[in-house]
Amino acid sequence: MMSGGYIALSIFLTLACLALIVAILMQKKRQAGFSGTIAGGGGDKTYWDKNKSKSFEGRLEKYTKILGAVFMITSLIIGFFV
């Protein structure tokens, strides 16, 4: 028989997974990649790079990292303790 905690964590993990998928799919592709780094395309040189955290894309990137951490921690909790 499944406990209430296991069911609650499973539902929370499913919601975190769906939110993470949506956050990843909403992000724009990065154009420079590895070749742009070699050619000098990287770094915090532009106005956009300095103010990225205030934009929608910057916030979305931050939320994606947080959701990824929540997903990993919840998965570990389910795997080890339940």
Protein backbone atom coordinates (compact mmCIF):
# COMPACT_ATOMS: atom_id res chain seq x y z
CA MET A 1 0.00 0.00 0.00
CA MET A 2 1.34 3.44 -0.92
CA SER A 3 1.66 6.04 1.78
CA GLY A 4 0.24 9.52 1.53
CA GLY A 5 3.72 11.03 1.47
CA TYR A 6 4.72 8.95 -1.55
CA ILE A 7 1.61 10.00 -3.44
CA ALA A 8 2.12 13.67 -2.56
CA LEU A 9 5.78 13.56 -3.62
CA SER A 10 4.87 11.78 -6.84
CA ILE A 11 2.30 14.44 -7.71
CA PHE A 12 4.79 17.20 -6.84
CA LEU A 13 7.46 15.53 -9.00
CA THR A 14 5.05 15.26 -11.92
CA LEU A 15 4.14 18.96 -11.66
CA ALA A 16 7.81 19.95 -11.38
CA CYS A 17 8.61 17.81 -14.42
CA LEU A 18 5.87 19.41 -16.50
CA ALA A 19 6.92 22.92 -15.44
CA LEU A 20 10.54 22.11 -16.31
CA ILE A 21 9.54 20.86 -19.76
CA VAL A 22 7.54 24.04 -20.43
CA ALA A 23 10.40 26.26 -19.20
CA ILE A 24 12.92 24.50 -21.44
CA LEU A 25 10.69 24.64 -24.50
CA MET A 26 10.03 28.37 -24.00
CA GLN A 27 13.73 29.25 -24.17
CA LYS A 28 15.29 30.56 -27.35
CA LYS A 29 18.09 28.74 -29.10
CA ARG A 30 21.61 29.95 -28.52
CA GLN A 31 23.30 30.90 -31.76
CA ALA A 32 26.98 31.27 -30.86
CA GLY A 33 27.72 27.88 -29.35
CA PHE A 34 31.28 26.64 -29.08
CA SER A 35 32.51 28.28 -32.29
CA GLY A 36 31.30 31.69 -31.11
CA THR A 37 33.33 31.30 -27.93
CA ILE A 38 36.50 30.58 -29.89
CA ALA A 39 35.90 33.49 -32.26
CA GLY A 40 35.45 35.93 -29.39
CA GLY A 41 31.67 36.04 -29.24
CA GLY A 42 31.46 35.29 -25.51
CA GLY A 43 31.78 37.49 -22.46
CA ASP A 44 29.87 40.25 -20.71
CA LYS A 45 30.71 42.97 -23.22
CA THR A 46 27.35 44.16 -24.43
CA TYR A 47 24.48 45.99 -22.79
CA TRP A 48 22.29 42.92 -23.30
CA ASP A 49 24.74 40.66 -21.43
CA LYS A 50 24.91 43.03 -18.48
CA ASN A 51 21.13 43.38 -18.14
CA LYS A 52 20.13 39.84 -19.07
CA SER A 53 18.83 38.97 -15.60
CA LYS A 54 16.16 41.68 -15.85
CA SER A 55 14.73 40.36 -19.12
CA PHE A 56 12.17 37.62 -19.64
CA GLU A 57 14.84 35.28 -21.03
CA GLY A 58 17.05 35.86 -17.99
CA ARG A 59 14.25 35.12 -15.57
CA LEU A 60 13.25 32.06 -17.58
CA GLU A 61 16.83 30.76 -17.41
CA LYS A 62 16.86 31.27 -13.63
CA TYR A 63 13.53 29.49 -13.21
CA THR A 64 14.77 26.60 -15.35
CA LYS A 65 17.76 26.13 -13.06
CA ILE A 66 15.55 26.24 -9.97
CA LEU A 67 13.04 23.78 -11.45
CA GLY A 68 15.87 21.45 -12.43
CA ALA A 69 17.18 21.48 -8.88
CA VAL A 70 13.68 20.88 -7.48
CA PHE A 71 13.23 17.97 -9.89
CA MET A 72 16.55 16.39 -8.89
CA ILE A 73 16.02 16.81 -5.15
CA THR A 74 12.47 15.45 -5.29
CA SER A 75 13.66 12.47 -7.33
CA LEU A 76 16.39 11.74 -4.79
CA ILE A 77 13.93 11.99 -1.90
CA ILE A 78 11.54 9.58 -3.59
CA GLY A 79 14.38 7.20 -4.44
CA PHE A 80 16.08 7.10 -1.05
CA PHE A 81 13.43 7.73 1.58
CA VAL A 82 10.14 6.46 0.23
